[in-house]
Amino acid sequence: MSERGFRFIDTPETAIEVTVDGALRHLPAGRSLLAGLLATADGAPDFFCAIGQCQRCRVRVNGTSEVACLYTPRDGDTVETPETGGRA
């Protein structure tokens, strides 16, 4: 019988360096910006749809408005969250 639920994988991930609201942060490579932020930070709003429809995760990346759940960050990106004026 197969187990249900999450299967945790102990494979180390490659991290990228991203500046978030002026602070250098390490996020997992290959994940959406939203997934990386949720995995490494706390204090997020209570709901994100994670498919780009609600627009609650809109941020500014390198000066351009982006939906964080649909954006895959690159090493060296600069992200501004709504708390610092990054919402477009």
C-alpha atoms as a PDB file:
ATOM      1  CA  MET A   1       0.000   0.000   0.000  1.00  0.00           C
ATOM      2  CA  SER A   2       1.395   3.420  -0.916  1.00  0.00           C
ATOM      3  CA  GLU A   3       1.810   6.190   1.616  1.00  0.00           C
ATOM      4  CA  ARG A   4      -0.142   9.408   1.229  1.00  0.00           C
ATOM      5  CA  GLY A   5       1.072  12.885   1.957  1.00  0.00           C
ATOM      6  CA  PHE A   6       4.298  14.730   1.431  1.00  0.00           C
ATOM      7  CA  ARG A   7       7.513  12.877   0.736  1.00  0.00           C
ATOM      8  CA  PHE A   8      10.504  14.808   1.969  1.00  0.00           C
ATOM      9  CA  ILE A   9      13.633  14.743  -0.146  1.00  0.00           C
ATOM     10  CA  ASP A  10      16.996  15.301   1.510  1.00  0.00           C
ATOM     11  CA  THR A  11      18.746  16.485  -1.640  1.00  0.00           C
ATOM     12  CA  PRO A  12      20.670  19.722  -1.095  1.00  0.00           C
ATOM     13  CA  GLU A  13      19.460  22.498  -3.342  1.00  0.00           C
ATOM     14  CA  THR A  14      21.523  24.992  -5.236  1.00  0.00           C
ATOM     15  CA  ALA A  15      20.960  28.485  -3.902  1.00  0.00           C
ATOM     16  CA  ILE A  16      20.952  31.776  -5.759  1.00  0.00           C
ATOM     17  CA  GLU A  17      21.656  35.202  -4.290  1.00  0.00           C
ATOM     18  CA  VAL A  18      18.829  37.717  -4.570  1.00  0.00           C
ATOM     19  CA  THR A  19      18.558  41.142  -2.945  1.00  0.00           C
ATOM     20  CA  VAL A  20      15.156  41.477  -1.260  1.00  0.00           C
ATOM     21  CA  ASP A  21      14.242  44.918   0.082  1.00  0.00           C
ATOM     22  CA  GLY A  22      17.932  45.832   0.242  1.00  0.00           C
ATOM     23  CA  ALA A  23      19.133  42.668   2.018  1.00  0.00           C
ATOM     24  CA  LEU A  24      21.050  39.832   0.360  1.00  0.00           C
ATOM     25  CA  ARG A  25      19.099  36.561   0.621  1.00  0.00           C
ATOM     26  CA  HIS A  26      19.740  32.994  -0.542  1.00  0.00           C
ATOM     27  CA  LEU A  27      16.786  31.357  -2.295  1.00  0.00           C
ATOM     28  CA  PRO A  28      16.480  27.841  -3.730  1.00  0.00           C
ATOM     29  CA  ALA A  29      17.321  27.829  -7.445  1.00  0.00           C
ATOM     30  CA  GLY A  30      14.735  26.666  -9.956  1.00  0.00           C
ATOM     31  CA  ARG A  31      11.654  27.571  -7.910  1.00  0.00           C
ATOM     32  CA  SER A  32       9.301  30.476  -8.352  1.00  0.00           C
ATOM     33  CA  LEU A  33      10.171  33.626  -6.460  1.00  0.00           C
ATOM     34  CA  LEU A  34       7.094  33.144  -4.275  1.00  0.00           C
ATOM     35  CA  ALA A  35       8.058  29.543  -3.425  1.00  0.00           C
ATOM     36  CA  GLY A  36      11.588  30.648  -2.563  1.00  0.00           C
ATOM     37  CA  LEU A  37      10.379  33.459  -0.323  1.00  0.00           C
ATOM     38  CA  LEU A  38       7.849  31.251   1.442  1.00  0.00           C
ATOM     39  CA  ALA A  39      10.527  28.589   2.016  1.00  0.00           C
ATOM     40  CA  THR A  40      13.013  31.014   3.549  1.00  0.00           C
ATOM     41  CA  ALA A  41      10.983  33.793   5.223  1.00  0.00           C
ATOM     42  CA  ASP A  42       7.973  34.329   7.431  1.00  0.00           C
ATOM     43  CA  GLY A  43       5.389  37.087   7.841  1.00  0.00           C
ATOM     44  CA  ALA A  44       3.659  36.512   4.500  1.00  0.00           C
ATOM     45  CA  PRO A  45      -0.010  37.362   3.977  1.00  0.00           C
ATOM     46  CA  ASP A  46      -2.406  34.537   4.736  1.00  0.00           C
ATOM     47  CA  PHE A  47      -3.262  33.503   1.159  1.00  0.00           C
ATOM     48  CA  PHE A  48      -1.641  33.237  -2.272  1.00  0.00           C
ATOM     49  CA  CYS A  49      -3.280  31.398  -5.171  1.00  0.00           C
ATOM     50  CA  ALA A  50       0.172  30.446  -6.599  1.00  0.00           C
ATOM     51  CA  ILE A  51      -1.162  30.512 -10.193  1.00  0.00           C
ATOM     52  CA  GLY A  52      -1.022  34.234 -10.963  1.00  0.00           C
ATOM     53  CA  GLN A  53      -4.722  34.993 -10.648  1.00  0.00           C
ATOM     54  CA  CYS A  54      -5.024  36.782  -7.304  1.00  0.00           C
ATOM     55  CA  GLN A  55      -2.054  39.125  -7.958  1.00  0.00           C
ATOM     56  CA  ARG A  56      -1.377  39.312  -4.191  1.00  0.00           C
ATOM     57  CA  CYS A  57       2.258  38.366  -4.729  1.00  0.00           C
ATOM     58  CA  ARG A  58       3.018  41.213  -7.152  1.00  0.00           C
ATOM     59  CA  VAL A  59       6.493  42.649  -6.568  1.00  0.00           C
ATOM     60  CA  ARG A  60       9.036  44.686  -8.486  1.00  0.00           C
ATOM     61  CA  VAL A  61      12.019  42.726  -9.843  1.00  0.00           C
ATOM     62  CA  ASN A  62      14.885  44.697 -11.357  1.00  0.00           C
ATOM     63  CA  GLY A  63      12.483  47.636 -11.728  1.00  0.00           C
ATOM     64  CA  THR A  64       9.770  45.650 -13.525  1.00  0.00           C
ATOM     65  CA  SER A  65       6.418  44.592 -12.094  1.00  0.00           C
ATOM     66  CA  GLU A  66       6.227  40.793 -11.737  1.00  0.00           C
ATOM     67  CA  VAL A  67       3.878  38.231 -10.217  1.00  0.00           C
ATOM     68  CA  ALA A  68       6.189  36.351  -7.837  1.00  0.00           C
ATOM     69  CA  CYS A  69       4.450  32.986  -8.228  1.00  0.00           C
ATOM     70  CA  LEU A  70       5.106  33.041 -11.988  1.00  0.00           C
ATOM     71  CA  TYR A  71       8.614  34.502 -11.928  1.00  0.00           C
ATOM     72  CA  THR A  72      11.723  32.325 -11.661  1.00  0.00           C
ATOM     73  CA  PRO A  73      14.436  34.454 -10.068  1.00  0.00           C
ATOM     74  CA  ARG A  74      17.979  34.617 -11.365  1.00  0.00           C
ATOM     75  CA  ASP A  75      21.187  35.064  -9.439  1.00  0.00           C
ATOM     76  CA  GLY A  76      21.675  38.785  -8.790  1.00  0.00           C
ATOM     77  CA  ASP A  77      18.023  39.874  -9.102  1.00  0.00           C
ATOM     78  CA  THR A  78      16.820  42.807  -7.005  1.00  0.00           C
ATOM     79  CA  VAL A  79      13.339  42.397  -5.520  1.00  0.00           C
ATOM     80  CA  GLU A  80      11.209  45.066  -3.865  1.00  0.00           C
ATOM     81  CA  THR A  81       8.167  43.903  -1.923  1.00  0.00           C
ATOM     82  CA  PRO A  82       5.042  46.022  -1.325  1.00  0.00           C
ATOM     83  CA  GLU A  83       6.368  46.995   2.109  1.00  0.00           C
ATOM     84  CA  THR A  84       9.153  48.971   0.422  1.00  0.00           C
ATOM     85  CA  GLY A  85       7.144  50.311  -2.504  1.00  0.00           C
ATOM     86  CA  GLY A  86       7.635  47.353  -4.837  1.00  0.00           C
ATOM     87  CA  ARG A  87       3.982  46.716  -5.662  1.00  0.00           C
ATOM     88  CA  ALA A  88       3.229  47.845  -9.183  1.00  0.00           C
END
